[in-house]
Amino acid sequence: MLSGPDKGKSGKVARVLPRENSVLIEGLNMAKHHLKARKQGQKGQVIVRERFIDAAKVAMVCKSCGKTTRIGYTVTESNKVRICRKCKAEI
C-alpha cells in the first residue's frame, strides 16, 4: 500500500472491482463490523474483516527486485508480456 494506516505493507489481492476501481487485499485495510444477535440466546459479535481500497493507493511489487513498480508491456512473437519498469524482468 502506498498510503493510509497500512502504508508500506503488502499482501495478496483477493478481489478486484474494475467498475469501482477498487481492490481487496488480504490482511490490509481491516475494519470492525458489529453483528447483532439474531436468535434467542445468541450473542452479538464484533468481526474484523478487510475492506476495499482504491486501486490508486496500491502498487505492484516485482518478484525479482522486490520493489514497488508500475507495469510495462512488451510484445514477443505471439503474446503480450507484463514487465517490471525498474528491472525489466517478466512479472
Protein backbone atom coordinates (compact mmCIF):
# COMPACT_ATOMS: atom_id res chain seq x y z
CA MET A 1 0.00 0.00 0.00
CA LEU A 2 1.14 3.48 -0.79
CA SER A 3 -0.89 5.41 1.79
CA GLY A 4 -3.09 5.07 4.85
CA PRO A 5 -2.53 3.30 8.17
CA ASP A 6 -1.14 0.21 6.40
CA LYS A 7 1.41 2.19 4.35
CA GLY A 8 4.41 0.07 3.36
CA LYS A 9 2.69 -3.27 3.98
CA SER A 10 1.99 -5.78 1.25
CA GLY A 11 -0.48 -8.59 0.73
CA LYS A 12 -2.17 -10.76 -1.85
CA VAL A 13 -5.01 -9.31 -3.94
CA ALA A 14 -8.20 -11.22 -3.16
CA ARG A 15 -10.77 -9.42 -5.36
CA VAL A 16 -10.81 -6.66 -7.96
CA LEU A 17 -13.78 -4.46 -8.82
CA PRO A 18 -12.84 -2.70 -12.08
CA ARG A 19 -16.01 -0.60 -12.34
CA GLU A 20 -15.48 0.86 -8.85
CA ASN A 21 -11.68 0.98 -9.39
CA SER A 22 -11.04 -0.79 -6.08
CA VAL A 23 -9.23 -3.87 -4.80
CA LEU A 24 -9.47 -6.12 -1.74
CA ILE A 25 -6.10 -7.10 -0.24
CA GLU A 26 -5.82 -9.93 2.28
CA GLY A 27 -4.85 -8.70 5.76
CA LEU A 28 -4.86 -4.97 4.92
CA ASN A 29 -7.36 -2.14 5.49
CA MET A 30 -9.06 -4.05 8.31
CA ALA A 31 -12.30 -2.70 9.83
CA LYS A 32 -14.54 -3.81 12.68
CA HIS A 33 -18.05 -4.96 11.78
CA HIS A 34 -20.66 -5.34 14.53
CA LEU A 35 -23.16 -8.21 14.25
CA LYS A 36 -26.40 -8.16 16.17
CA ALA A 37 -27.73 -11.30 17.87
CA ARG A 38 -30.38 -12.85 15.61
CA LYS A 39 -31.74 -15.70 17.75
CA GLN A 40 -32.69 -16.12 21.38
CA GLY A 41 -29.58 -16.89 23.42
CA GLN A 42 -27.16 -15.93 20.66
CA LYS A 43 -24.57 -13.26 21.42
CA GLY A 44 -23.63 -10.28 19.30
CA GLN A 45 -20.13 -10.25 17.80
CA VAL A 46 -17.51 -7.86 16.56
CA ILE A 47 -15.84 -9.21 13.43
CA VAL A 48 -12.66 -7.77 11.93
CA ARG A 49 -12.59 -8.02 8.13
CA GLU A 50 -10.93 -6.46 5.09
CA ARG A 51 -12.42 -3.51 3.26
CA PHE A 52 -11.98 -2.48 -0.34
CA ILE A 53 -9.40 0.20 -1.10
CA ASP A 54 -8.96 2.45 -4.12
CA ALA A 55 -6.70 0.91 -6.75
CA ALA A 56 -4.61 4.11 -6.96
CA LYS A 57 -3.40 3.54 -3.38
CA VAL A 58 -1.73 0.21 -4.16
CA ALA A 59 1.25 -0.72 -6.33
CA MET A 60 2.57 -3.95 -7.78
CA VAL A 61 5.67 -5.48 -6.14
CA CYS A 62 8.20 -7.05 -8.52
CA LYS A 63 9.18 -10.62 -7.61
CA SER A 64 12.76 -10.33 -8.86
CA CYS A 65 13.86 -6.91 -7.48
CA GLY A 66 11.35 -6.67 -4.58
CA LYS A 67 10.49 -3.02 -5.28
CA THR A 68 7.13 -1.38 -5.95
CA THR A 69 6.81 -0.68 -9.64
CA ARG A 70 4.49 0.25 -12.45
CA ILE A 71 3.75 -2.34 -15.11
CA GLY A 72 5.15 -2.17 -18.61
CA TYR A 73 4.40 -4.39 -21.58
CA THR A 74 6.47 -6.00 -24.32
CA VAL A 75 5.20 -7.93 -27.29
CA THR A 76 7.03 -11.16 -28.05
CA GLU A 77 6.33 -13.16 -31.22
CA SER A 78 2.71 -14.06 -30.43
CA ASN A 79 1.89 -12.85 -26.91
CA LYS A 80 1.94 -9.72 -24.76
CA VAL A 81 4.04 -9.96 -21.56
CA ARG A 82 3.96 -7.78 -18.44
CA ILE A 83 7.36 -6.49 -17.27
CA CYS A 84 8.77 -4.55 -14.32
CA ARG A 85 9.65 -0.98 -15.33
CA LYS A 86 12.65 -0.90 -12.97
CA CYS A 87 14.49 -4.17 -13.65
CA LYS A 88 12.78 -5.18 -16.95
CA ALA A 89 12.02 -8.70 -15.63
CA GLU A 90 8.82 -10.57 -16.50
CA ILE A 91 6.06 -10.47 -13.90
